[in-house]
mmCIF file of all heavy atoms, coordinates in Angstrom:
data_MODEL
# 
_entry.id   MODEL 
# 
loop_
_atom_site.group_PDB 
_atom_site.id 
_atom_site.type_symbol 
_atom_site.label_atom_id 
_atom_site.label_alt_id 
_atom_site.label_comp_id 
_atom_site.label_asym_id 
_atom_site.label_entity_id 
_atom_site.label_seq_id 
_atom_site.pdbx_PDB_ins_code 
_atom_site.Cartn_x 
_atom_site.Cartn_y 
_atom_site.Cartn_z 
_atom_site.occupancy 
_atom_site.B_iso_or_equiv 
_atom_site.pdbx_formal_charge 
_atom_site.auth_seq_id 
_atom_site.auth_comp_id 
_atom_site.auth_asym_id 
_atom_site.auth_atom_id 
_atom_site.pdbx_PDB_model_num 
ATOM 1   N N   . LEU A 1 1  ? 0.830   -1.205  0.000  1.00 0.00 ? 1  LEU A N   1 
ATOM 2   C CA  . LEU A 1 1  ? 0.000   0.000   0.000  1.00 0.00 ? 1  LEU A CA  1 
ATOM 3   C C   . LEU A 1 1  ? 0.868   1.260   0.000  1.00 0.00 ? 1  LEU A C   1 
ATOM 4   O O   . LEU A 1 1  ? 0.523   2.261   -0.649 1.00 0.00 ? 1  LEU A O   1 
ATOM 5   C CB  . LEU A 1 1  ? -0.948  0.003   1.201  1.00 0.00 ? 1  LEU A CB  1 
ATOM 6   C CG  . LEU A 1 1  ? -2.075  -1.028  1.172  1.00 0.00 ? 1  LEU A CG  1 
ATOM 7   C CD1 . LEU A 1 1  ? -2.817  -1.044  2.498  1.00 0.00 ? 1  LEU A CD1 1 
ATOM 8   C CD2 . LEU A 1 1  ? -3.050  -0.754  0.027  1.00 0.00 ? 1  LEU A CD2 1 
ATOM 9   N N   . ASP A 1 2  ? 1.976   1.210   0.712  1.00 0.00 ? 2  ASP A N   1 
ATOM 10  C CA  . ASP A 1 2  ? 2.927   2.329   0.680  1.00 0.00 ? 2  ASP A CA  1 
ATOM 11  C C   . ASP A 1 2  ? 3.432   2.569   -0.742 1.00 0.00 ? 2  ASP A C   1 
ATOM 12  O O   . ASP A 1 2  ? 3.556   3.710   -1.198 1.00 0.00 ? 2  ASP A O   1 
ATOM 13  C CB  . ASP A 1 2  ? 4.122   2.045   1.591  1.00 0.00 ? 2  ASP A CB  1 
ATOM 14  C CG  . ASP A 1 2  ? 3.790   2.156   3.075  1.00 0.00 ? 2  ASP A CG  1 
ATOM 15  O OD1 . ASP A 1 2  ? 2.791   2.822   3.418  1.00 0.00 ? 2  ASP A OD1 1 
ATOM 16  O OD2 . ASP A 1 2  ? 4.539   1.569   3.889  1.00 0.00 ? 2  ASP A OD2 1 
ATOM 17  N N   . VAL A 1 3  ? 3.730   1.474   -1.446 1.00 0.00 ? 3  VAL A N   1 
ATOM 18  C CA  . VAL A 1 3  ? 4.209   1.573   -2.825 1.00 0.00 ? 3  VAL A CA  1 
ATOM 19  C C   . VAL A 1 3  ? 3.145   2.210   -3.719 1.00 0.00 ? 3  VAL A C   1 
ATOM 20  O O   . VAL A 1 3  ? 3.442   3.101   -4.535 1.00 0.00 ? 3  VAL A O   1 
ATOM 21  C CB  . VAL A 1 3  ? 4.612   0.186   -3.368 1.00 0.00 ? 3  VAL A CB  1 
ATOM 22  C CG1 . VAL A 1 3  ? 4.900   0.236   -4.864 1.00 0.00 ? 3  VAL A CG1 1 
ATOM 23  C CG2 . VAL A 1 3  ? 5.815   -0.361  -2.611 1.00 0.00 ? 3  VAL A CG2 1 
ATOM 24  N N   . CYS A 1 4  ? 1.909   1.754   -3.588 1.00 0.00 ? 4  CYS A N   1 
ATOM 25  C CA  . CYS A 1 4  ? 0.815   2.318   -4.392 1.00 0.00 ? 4  CYS A CA  1 
ATOM 26  C C   . CYS A 1 4  ? 0.683   3.815   -4.152 1.00 0.00 ? 4  CYS A C   1 
ATOM 27  O O   . CYS A 1 4  ? 0.506   4.599   -5.102 1.00 0.00 ? 4  CYS A O   1 
ATOM 28  C CB  . CYS A 1 4  ? -0.502  1.620   -4.055 1.00 0.00 ? 4  CYS A CB  1 
ATOM 29  S SG  . CYS A 1 4  ? -0.605  -0.096  -4.587 1.00 0.00 ? 4  CYS A SG  1 
ATOM 30  N N   . LYS A 1 5  ? 0.773   4.215   -2.899 1.00 0.00 ? 5  LYS A N   1 
ATOM 31  C CA  . LYS A 1 5  ? 0.682   5.635   -2.559 1.00 0.00 ? 5  LYS A CA  1 
ATOM 32  C C   . LYS A 1 5  ? 1.824   6.408   -3.216 1.00 0.00 ? 5  LYS A C   1 
ATOM 33  O O   . LYS A 1 5  ? 1.628   7.494   -3.778 1.00 0.00 ? 5  LYS A O   1 
ATOM 34  C CB  . LYS A 1 5  ? 0.755   5.797   -1.043 1.00 0.00 ? 5  LYS A CB  1 
ATOM 35  C CG  . LYS A 1 5  ? 0.436   7.187   -0.534 1.00 0.00 ? 5  LYS A CG  1 
ATOM 36  C CD  . LYS A 1 5  ? -1.058  7.353   -0.383 1.00 0.00 ? 5  LYS A CD  1 
ATOM 37  C CE  . LYS A 1 5  ? -1.393  8.563   0.458  1.00 0.00 ? 5  LYS A CE  1 
ATOM 38  N NZ  . LYS A 1 5  ? -2.851  8.697   0.681  1.00 0.00 ? 5  LYS A NZ  1 
ATOM 39  N N   . GLU A 1 6  ? 3.007   5.826   -3.158 1.00 0.00 ? 6  GLU A N   1 
ATOM 40  C CA  . GLU A 1 6  ? 4.200   6.472   -3.715 1.00 0.00 ? 6  GLU A CA  1 
ATOM 41  C C   . GLU A 1 6  ? 4.068   6.716   -5.212 1.00 0.00 ? 6  GLU A C   1 
ATOM 42  O O   . GLU A 1 6  ? 4.465   7.775   -5.720 1.00 0.00 ? 6  GLU A O   1 
ATOM 43  C CB  . GLU A 1 6  ? 5.428   5.605   -3.431 1.00 0.00 ? 6  GLU A CB  1 
ATOM 44  C CG  . GLU A 1 6  ? 6.721   6.129   -4.019 1.00 0.00 ? 6  GLU A CG  1 
ATOM 45  C CD  . GLU A 1 6  ? 7.849   5.112   -3.958 1.00 0.00 ? 6  GLU A CD  1 
ATOM 46  O OE1 . GLU A 1 6  ? 7.808   4.211   -3.100 1.00 0.00 ? 6  GLU A OE1 1 
ATOM 47  O OE2 . GLU A 1 6  ? 8.777   5.210   -4.794 1.00 0.00 ? 6  GLU A OE2 1 
ATOM 48  N N   . VAL A 1 7  ? 3.508   5.740   -5.939 1.00 0.00 ? 7  VAL A N   1 
ATOM 49  C CA  . VAL A 1 7  ? 3.440   5.855   -7.401 1.00 0.00 ? 7  VAL A CA  1 
ATOM 50  C C   . VAL A 1 7  ? 2.140   6.485   -7.889 1.00 0.00 ? 7  VAL A C   1 
ATOM 51  O O   . VAL A 1 7  ? 1.920   6.616   -9.092 1.00 0.00 ? 7  VAL A O   1 
ATOM 52  C CB  . VAL A 1 7  ? 3.643   4.474   -8.075 1.00 0.00 ? 7  VAL A CB  1 
ATOM 53  C CG1 . VAL A 1 7  ? 5.011   3.911   -7.726 1.00 0.00 ? 7  VAL A CG1 1 
ATOM 54  C CG2 . VAL A 1 7  ? 2.528   3.497   -7.704 1.00 0.00 ? 7  VAL A CG2 1 
ATOM 55  N N   . GLY A 1 8  ? 1.251   6.875   -6.969 1.00 0.00 ? 8  GLY A N   1 
ATOM 56  C CA  . GLY A 1 8  ? 0.049   7.598   -7.358 1.00 0.00 ? 8  GLY A CA  1 
ATOM 57  C C   . GLY A 1 8  ? -1.134  6.755   -7.766 1.00 0.00 ? 8  GLY A C   1 
ATOM 58  O O   . GLY A 1 8  ? -2.037  7.242   -8.453 1.00 0.00 ? 8  GLY A O   1 
ATOM 59  N N   . ILE A 1 9  ? -1.153  5.489   -7.337 1.00 0.00 ? 9  ILE A N   1 
ATOM 60  C CA  . ILE A 1 9  ? -2.315  4.637   -7.589 1.00 0.00 ? 9  ILE A CA  1 
ATOM 61  C C   . ILE A 1 9  ? -3.245  4.688   -6.375 1.00 0.00 ? 9  ILE A C   1 
ATOM 62  O O   . ILE A 1 9  ? -2.812  4.470   -5.238 1.00 0.00 ? 9  ILE A O   1 
ATOM 63  C CB  . ILE A 1 9  ? -1.895  3.181   -7.866 1.00 0.00 ? 9  ILE A CB  1 
ATOM 64  C CG1 . ILE A 1 9  ? -1.225  3.073   -9.242 1.00 0.00 ? 9  ILE A CG1 1 
ATOM 65  C CG2 . ILE A 1 9  ? -3.094  2.237   -7.802 1.00 0.00 ? 9  ILE A CG2 1 
ATOM 66  C CD1 . ILE A 1 9  ? -0.790  1.667   -9.611 1.00 0.00 ? 9  ILE A CD1 1 
ATOM 67  N N   . ASP A 1 10 ? -4.513  5.003   -6.605 1.00 0.00 ? 10 ASP A N   1 
ATOM 68  C CA  . ASP A 1 10 ? -5.505  4.967   -5.527 1.00 0.00 ? 10 ASP A CA  1 
ATOM 69  C C   . ASP A 1 10 ? -5.755  3.519   -5.116 1.00 0.00 ? 10 ASP A C   1 
ATOM 70  O O   . ASP A 1 10 ? -5.869  2.642   -5.983 1.00 0.00 ? 10 ASP A O   1 
ATOM 71  C CB  . ASP A 1 10 ? -6.825  5.586   -5.986 1.00 0.00 ? 10 ASP A CB  1 
ATOM 72  C CG  . ASP A 1 10 ? -6.725  7.082   -6.235 1.00 0.00 ? 10 ASP A CG  1 
ATOM 73  O OD1 . ASP A 1 10 ? -5.831  7.716   -5.643 1.00 0.00 ? 10 ASP A OD1 1 
ATOM 74  O OD2 . ASP A 1 10 ? -7.533  7.598   -7.015 1.00 0.00 ? 10 ASP A OD2 1 
ATOM 75  N N   . THR A 1 11 ? -5.866  3.273   -3.816 1.00 0.00 ? 11 THR A N   1 
ATOM 76  C CA  . THR A 1 11 ? -6.069  1.911   -3.349 1.00 0.00 ? 11 THR A CA  1 
ATOM 77  C C   . THR A 1 11 ? -7.291  1.794   -2.446 1.00 0.00 ? 11 THR A C   1 
ATOM 78  O O   . THR A 1 11 ? -7.745  2.776   -1.852 1.00 0.00 ? 11 THR A O   1 
ATOM 79  C CB  . THR A 1 11 ? -4.848  1.384   -2.569 1.00 0.00 ? 11 THR A CB  1 
ATOM 80  O OG1 . THR A 1 11 ? -4.556  2.284   -1.483 1.00 0.00 ? 11 THR A OG1 1 
ATOM 81  C CG2 . THR A 1 11 ? -3.641  1.256   -3.472 1.00 0.00 ? 11 THR A CG2 1 
ATOM 82  N N   . SER A 1 12 ? -7.792  0.579   -2.368 1.00 0.00 ? 12 SER A N   1 
ATOM 83  C CA  . SER A 1 12 ? -8.922  0.291   -1.491 1.00 0.00 ? 12 SER A CA  1 
ATOM 84  C C   . SER A 1 12 ? -8.823  -1.145  -0.998 1.00 0.00 ? 12 SER A C   1 
ATOM 85  O O   . SER A 1 12 ? -8.108  -1.973  -1.570 1.00 0.00 ? 12 SER A O   1 
ATOM 86  C CB  . SER A 1 12 ? -10.243 0.504   -2.231 1.00 0.00 ? 12 SER A CB  1 
ATOM 87  O OG  . SER A 1 12 ? -10.351 -0.401  -3.319 1.00 0.00 ? 12 SER A OG  1 
ATOM 88  N N   . LEU A 1 13 ? -9.568  -1.422  0.063  1.00 0.00 ? 13 LEU A N   1 
ATOM 89  C CA  . LEU A 1 13 ? -9.609  -2.757  0.653  1.00 0.00 ? 13 LEU A CA  1 
ATOM 90  C C   . LEU A 1 13 ? -11.059 -3.201  0.805  1.00 0.00 ? 13 LEU A C   1 
ATOM 91  O O   . LEU A 1 13 ? -11.882 -2.458  1.346  1.00 0.00 ? 13 LEU A O   1 
ATOM 92  C CB  . LEU A 1 13 ? -8.997  -2.753  2.058  1.00 0.00 ? 13 LEU A CB  1 
ATOM 93  C CG  . LEU A 1 13 ? -7.492  -2.840  2.243  1.00 0.00 ? 13 LEU A CG  1 
ATOM 94  C CD1 . LEU A 1 13 ? -7.174  -2.725  3.731  1.00 0.00 ? 13 LEU A CD1 1 
ATOM 95  C CD2 . LEU A 1 13 ? -6.970  -4.146  1.688  1.00 0.00 ? 13 LEU A CD2 1 
ATOM 96  N N   . THR A 1 14 ? -11.369 -4.399  0.335  1.00 0.00 ? 14 THR A N   1 
ATOM 97  C CA  . THR A 1 14 ? -12.607 -5.067  0.710  1.00 0.00 ? 14 THR A CA  1 
ATOM 98  C C   . THR A 1 14 ? -12.200 -6.237  1.586  1.00 0.00 ? 14 THR A C   1 
ATOM 99  O O   . THR A 1 14 ? -11.445 -7.109  1.153  1.00 0.00 ? 14 THR A O   1 
ATOM 100 C CB  . THR A 1 14 ? -13.398 -5.541  -0.522 1.00 0.00 ? 14 THR A CB  1 
ATOM 101 O OG1 . THR A 1 14 ? -13.804 -4.395  -1.279 1.00 0.00 ? 14 THR A OG1 1 
ATOM 102 C CG2 . THR A 1 14 ? -14.635 -6.307  -0.101 1.00 0.00 ? 14 THR A CG2 1 
ATOM 103 N N   . THR A 1 15 ? -12.674 -6.268  2.817  1.00 0.00 ? 15 THR A N   1 
ATOM 104 C CA  . THR A 1 15 ? -12.105 -7.128  3.838  1.00 0.00 ? 15 THR A CA  1 
ATOM 105 C C   . THR A 1 15 ? -13.144 -7.513  4.878  1.00 0.00 ? 15 THR A C   1 
ATOM 106 O O   . THR A 1 15 ? -14.148 -6.813  5.048  1.00 0.00 ? 15 THR A O   1 
ATOM 107 C CB  . THR A 1 15 ? -10.944 -6.375  4.536  1.00 0.00 ? 15 THR A CB  1 
ATOM 108 O OG1 . THR A 1 15 ? -10.515 -7.079  5.697  1.00 0.00 ? 15 THR A OG1 1 
ATOM 109 C CG2 . THR A 1 15 ? -11.363 -4.976  4.979  1.00 0.00 ? 15 THR A CG2 1 
ATOM 110 N N   . ASN A 1 16 ? -12.907 -8.614  5.588  1.00 0.00 ? 16 ASN A N   1 
ATOM 111 C CA  . ASN A 1 16 ? -13.756 -8.900  6.748  1.00 0.00 ? 16 ASN A CA  1 
ATOM 112 C C   . ASN A 1 16 ? -13.194 -8.249  8.003  1.00 0.00 ? 16 ASN A C   1 
ATOM 113 O O   . ASN A 1 16 ? -13.831 -8.252  9.047  1.00 0.00 ? 16 ASN A O   1 
ATOM 114 C CB  . ASN A 1 16 ? -13.977 -10.407 6.944  1.00 0.00 ? 16 ASN A CB  1 
ATOM 115 C CG  . ASN A 1 16 ? -12.696 -11.183 7.221  1.00 0.00 ? 16 ASN A CG  1 
ATOM 116 O OD1 . ASN A 1 16 ? -11.837 -10.777 8.010  1.00 0.00 ? 16 ASN A OD1 1 
ATOM 117 N ND2 . ASN A 1 16 ? -12.570 -12.354 6.581  1.00 0.00 ? 16 ASN A ND2 1 
ATOM 118 N N   . SER A 1 17 ? -11.993 -7.712  7.926  1.00 0.00 ? 17 SER A N   1 
ATOM 119 C CA  . SER A 1 17 ? -11.313 -6.881  8.932  1.00 0.00 ? 17 SER A CA  1 
ATOM 120 C C   . SER A 1 17 ? -10.942 -7.597  10.226 1.00 0.00 ? 17 SER A C   1 
ATOM 121 O O   . SER A 1 17 ? -10.383 -6.962  11.126 1.00 0.00 ? 17 SER A O   1 
ATOM 122 C CB  . SER A 1 17 ? -12.132 -5.611  9.249  1.00 0.00 ? 17 SER A CB  1 
ATOM 123 O OG  . SER A 1 17 ? -13.096 -5.822  10.242 1.00 0.00 ? 17 SER A OG  1 
ATOM 124 N N   . VAL A 1 18 ? -11.210 -8.878  10.326 1.00 0.00 ? 18 VAL A N   1 
ATOM 125 C CA  . VAL A 1 18 ? -10.852 -9.593  11.560 1.00 0.00 ? 18 VAL A CA  1 
ATOM 126 C C   . VAL A 1 18 ? -9.346  -9.527  11.837 1.00 0.00 ? 18 VAL A C   1 
ATOM 127 O O   . VAL A 1 18 ? -8.935  -9.373  12.993 1.00 0.00 ? 18 VAL A O   1 
ATOM 128 C CB  . VAL A 1 18 ? -11.355 -11.051 11.511 1.00 0.00 ? 18 VAL A CB  1 
ATOM 129 C CG1 . VAL A 1 18 ? -10.844 -11.844 12.710 1.00 0.00 ? 18 VAL A CG1 1 
ATOM 130 C CG2 . VAL A 1 18 ? -12.885 -11.082 11.474 1.00 0.00 ? 18 VAL A CG2 1 
ATOM 131 N N   . PRO A 1 19 ? -8.466  -9.611  10.811 1.00 0.00 ? 19 PRO A N   1 
ATOM 132 C CA  . PRO A 1 19 ? -7.026  -9.553  11.091 1.00 0.00 ? 19 PRO A CA  1 
ATOM 133 C C   . PRO A 1 19 ? -6.486  -8.146  11.372 1.00 0.00 ? 19 PRO A C   1 
ATOM 134 O O   . PRO A 1 19 ? -5.278  -7.978  11.538 1.00 0.00 ? 19 PRO A O   1 
ATOM 135 C CB  . PRO A 1 19 ? -6.393  -10.116 9.806  1.00 0.00 ? 19 PRO A CB  1 
ATOM 136 C CG  . PRO A 1 19 ? -7.494  -10.825 9.090  1.00 0.00 ? 19 PRO A CG  1 
ATOM 137 C CD  . PRO A 1 19 ? -8.713  -10.039 9.427  1.00 0.00 ? 19 PRO A CD  1 
ATOM 138 N N   . PHE A 1 20 ? -7.341  -7.133  11.404 1.00 0.00 ? 20 PHE A N   1 
ATOM 139 C CA  . PHE A 1 20 ? -6.862  -5.783  11.708 1.00 0.00 ? 20 PHE A CA  1 
ATOM 140 C C   . PHE A 1 20 ? -6.252  -5.738  13.112 1.00 0.00 ? 20 PHE A C   1 
ATOM 141 O O   . PHE A 1 20 ? -6.709  -6.422  14.028 1.00 0.00 ? 20 PHE A O   1 
ATOM 142 C CB  . PHE A 1 20 ? -8.017  -4.773  11.663 1.00 0.00 ? 20 PHE A CB  1 
ATOM 143 C CG  . PHE A 1 20 ? -8.406  -4.301  10.292 1.00 0.00 ? 20 PHE A CG  1 
ATOM 144 C CD1 . PHE A 1 20 ? -8.274  -5.102  9.177  1.00 0.00 ? 20 PHE A CD1 1 
ATOM 145 C CD2 . PHE A 1 20 ? -8.948  -3.039  10.116 1.00 0.00 ? 20 PHE A CD2 1 
ATOM 146 C CE1 . PHE A 1 20 ? -8.660  -4.671  7.914  1.00 0.00 ? 20 PHE A CE1 1 
ATOM 147 C CE2 . PHE A 1 20 ? -9.334  -2.576  8.868  1.00 0.00 ? 20 PHE A CE2 1 
ATOM 148 C CZ  . PHE A 1 20 ? -9.194  -3.393  7.765  1.00 0.00 ? 20 PHE A CZ  1 
ATOM 149 N N   . ASN A 1 21 ? -5.221  -4.898  13.254 1.00 0.00 ? 21 ASN A N   1 
ATOM 150 C CA  . ASN A 1 21 ? -4.691  -4.565  14.579 1.00 0.00 ? 21 ASN A CA  1 
ATOM 151 C C   . ASN A 1 21 ? -4.299  -3.090  14.546 1.00 0.00 ? 21 ASN A C   1 
ATOM 152 O O   . ASN A 1 21 ? -4.446  -2.428  13.511 1.00 0.00 ? 21 ASN A O   1 
ATOM 153 C CB  . ASN A 1 21 ? -3.500  -5.464  14.943 1.00 0.00 ? 21 ASN A CB  1 
ATOM 154 C CG  . ASN A 1 21 ? -2.395  -5.427  13.900 1.00 0.00 ? 21 ASN A CG  1 
ATOM 155 O OD1 . ASN A 1 21 ? -1.944  -4.357  13.497 1.00 0.00 ? 21 ASN A OD1 1 
ATOM 156 N ND2 . ASN A 1 21 ? -1.967  -6.602  13.428 1.00 0.00 ? 21 ASN A ND2 1 
ATOM 157 N N   . GLU A 1 22 ? -3.813  -2.554  15.647 1.00 0.00 ? 22 GLU A N   1 
ATOM 158 C CA  . GLU A 1 22 ? -3.540  -1.111  15.699 1.00 0.00 ? 22 GLU A CA  1 
ATOM 159 C C   . GLU A 1 22 ? -2.508  -0.687  14.666 1.00 0.00 ? 22 GLU A C   1 
ATOM 160 O O   . GLU A 1 22 ? -2.626  0.376   14.049 1.00 0.00 ? 22 GLU A O   1 
ATOM 161 C CB  . GLU A 1 22 ? -3.080  -0.718  17.108 1.00 0.00 ? 22 GLU A CB  1 
ATOM 162 C CG  . GLU A 1 22 ? -4.206  -0.750  18.126 1.00 0.00 ? 22 GLU A CG  1 
ATOM 163 C CD  . GLU A 1 22 ? -3.857  0.017   19.393 1.00 0.00 ? 22 GLU A CD  1 
ATOM 164 O OE1 . GLU A 1 22 ? -2.951  0.864   19.355 1.00 0.00 ? 22 GLU A OE1 1 
ATOM 165 O OE2 . GLU A 1 22 ? -4.507  -0.242  20.410 1.00 0.00 ? 22 GLU A OE2 1 
ATOM 166 N N   . THR A 1 23 ? -1.494  -1.534  14.438 1.00 0.00 ? 23 THR A N   1 
ATOM 167 C CA  . THR A 1 23 ? -0.422  -1.164  13.520 1.00 0.00 ? 23 THR A CA  1 
ATOM 168 C C   . THR A 1 23 ? -0.885  -1.170  12.065 1.00 0.00 ? 23 THR A C   1 
ATOM 169 O O   . THR A 1 23 ? -0.710  -0.189  11.335 1.00 0.00 ? 23 THR A O   1 
ATOM 170 C CB  . THR A 1 23 ? 0.775   -2.109  13.672 1.00 0.00 ? 23 THR A CB  1 
ATOM 171 O OG1 . THR A 1 23 ? 1.248   -2.049  15.018 1.00 0.00 ? 23 THR A OG1 1 
ATOM 172 C CG2 . THR A 1 23 ? 1.904   -1.711  12.732 1.00 0.00 ? 23 THR A CG2 1 
ATOM 173 N N   . ASN A 1 24 ? -1.489  -2.288  11.625 1.00 0.00 ? 24 ASN A N   1 
ATOM 174 C CA  . ASN A 1 24 ? -1.875  -2.331  10.212 1.00 0.00 ? 24 ASN A CA  1 
ATOM 175 C C   . ASN A 1 24 ? -3.080  -1.438  9.921  1.00 0.00 ? 24 ASN A C   1 
ATOM 176 O O   . ASN A 1 24 ? -3.217  -0.909  8.811  1.00 0.00 ? 24 ASN A O   1 
ATOM 177 C CB  . ASN A 1 24 ? -2.083  -3.771  9.716  1.00 0.00 ? 24 ASN A CB  1 
ATOM 178 C CG  . ASN A 1 24 ? -3.215  -4.521  10.382 1.00 0.00 ? 24 ASN A CG  1 
ATOM 179 O OD1 . ASN A 1 24 ? -4.149  -3.944  10.928 1.00 0.00 ? 24 ASN A OD1 1 
ATOM 180 N ND2 . ASN A 1 24 ? -3.145  -5.846  10.336 1.00 0.00 ? 24 ASN A ND2 1 
ATOM 181 N N   . THR A 1 25 ? -3.966  -1.242  10.895 1.00 0.00 ? 25 THR A N   1 
ATOM 182 C CA  . THR A 1 25 ? -5.112  -0.359  10.679 1.00 0.00 ? 25 THR A CA  1 
ATOM 183 C C   . THR A 1 25 ? -4.649  1.061   10.394 1.00 0.00 ? 25 THR A C   1 
ATOM 184 O O   . THR A 1 25 ? -5.187  1.744   9.510  1.00 0.00 ? 25 THR A O   1 
ATOM 185 C CB  . THR A 1 25 ? -6.058  -0.373  11.890 1.00 0.00 ? 25 THR A CB  1 
ATOM 186 O OG1 . THR A 1 25 ? -6.511  -1.707  12.121 1.00 0.00 ? 25 THR A OG1 1 
ATOM 187 C CG2 . THR A 1 25 ? -7.273  0.513   11.645 1.00 0.00 ? 25 THR A CG2 1 
ATOM 188 N N   . GLU A 1 26 ? -3.637  1.514   11.118 1.00 0.00 ? 26 GLU A N   1 
ATOM 189 C CA  . GLU A 1 26 ? -3.068  2.842   10.872 1.00 0.00 ? 26 GLU A CA  1 
ATOM 190 C C   . GLU A 1 26 ? -2.581  2.963   9.430  1.00 0.00 ? 26 GLU A C   1 
ATOM 191 O O   . GLU A 1 26 ? -2.854  3.946   8.741  1.00 0.00 ? 26 GLU A O   1 
ATOM 192 C CB  . GLU A 1 26 ? -1.907  3.085   11.837 1.00 0.00 ? 26 GLU A CB  1 
ATOM 193 C CG  . GLU A 1 26 ? -1.015  4.258   11.499 1.00 0.00 ? 26 GLU A CG  1 
ATOM 194 C CD  . GLU A 1 26 ? -1.568  5.596   11.933 1.00 0.00 ? 26 GLU A CD  1 
ATOM 195 O OE1 . GLU A 1 26 ? -2.381  5.620   12.876 1.00 0.00 ? 26 GLU A OE1 1 
ATOM 196 O OE2 . GLU A 1 26 ? -1.190  6.607   11.326 1.00 0.00 ? 26 GLU A OE2 1 
ATOM 197 N N   . ASN A 1 27 ? -1.878  1.924   8.953  1.00 0.00 ? 27 ASN A N   1 
ATOM 198 C CA  . ASN A 1 27 ? -1.374  1.934   7.585  1.00 0.00 ? 27 ASN A CA  1 
ATOM 199 C C   . ASN A 1 27 ? -2.516  1.919   6.575  1.00 0.00 ? 27 ASN A C   1 
ATOM 200 O O   . ASN A 1 27 ? -2.504  2.668   5.594  1.00 0.00 ? 27 ASN A O   1 
ATOM 201 C CB  . ASN A 1 27 ? -0.452  0.733   7.361  1.00 0.00 ? 27 ASN A CB  1 
ATOM 202 C CG  . ASN A 1 27 ? 0.045   0.622   5.931  1.00 0.00 ? 27 ASN A CG  1 
ATOM 203 O OD1 . ASN A 1 27 ? -0.658  0.123   5.060  1.00 0.00 ? 27 ASN A OD1 1 
ATOM 204 N ND2 . ASN A 1 27 ? 1.260   1.093   5.683  1.00 0.00 ? 27 ASN A ND2 1 
ATOM 205 N N   . PHE A 1 28 ? -3.509  1.071   6.814  1.00 0.00 ? 28 PHE A N   1 
ATOM 206 C CA  . PHE A 1 28 ? -4.625  0.953   5.882  1.00 0.00 ? 28 PHE A CA  1 
ATOM 207 C C   . PHE A 1 28 ? -5.370  2.284   5.741  1.00 0.00 ? 28 PHE A C   1 
ATOM 208 O O   . PHE A 1 28 ? -5.677  2.722   4.627  1.00 0.00 ? 28 PHE A O   1 
ATOM 209 C CB  . PHE A 1 28 ? -5.596  -0.128  6.332  1.00 0.00 ? 28 PHE A CB  1 
ATOM 210 C CG  . PHE A 1 28 ? -5.012  -1.514  6.436  1.00 0.00 ? 28 PHE A CG  1 
ATOM 211 C CD1 . PHE A 1 28 ? -5.608  -2.470  7.253  1.00 0.00 ? 28 PHE A CD1 1 
ATOM 212 C CD2 . PHE A 1 28 ? -3.870  -1.870  5.735  1.00 0.00 ? 28 PHE A CD2 1 
ATOM 213 C CE1 . PHE A 1 28 ? -5.077  -3.756  7.346  1.00 0.00 ? 28 PHE A CE1 1 
ATOM 214 C CE2 . PHE A 1 28 ? -3.326  -3.145  5.831  1.00 0.00 ? 28 PHE A CE2 1 
ATOM 215 C CZ  . PHE A 1 28 ? -3.938  -4.092  6.645  1.00 0.00 ? 28 PHE A CZ  1 
# 
């Protein structure tokens, strides 16, 4: 996702979100 942001591609997530935690949620 960092790479996509760097190169100017818009990103999105379709997810059940169960694996989210404080660290990855911040990034997402």
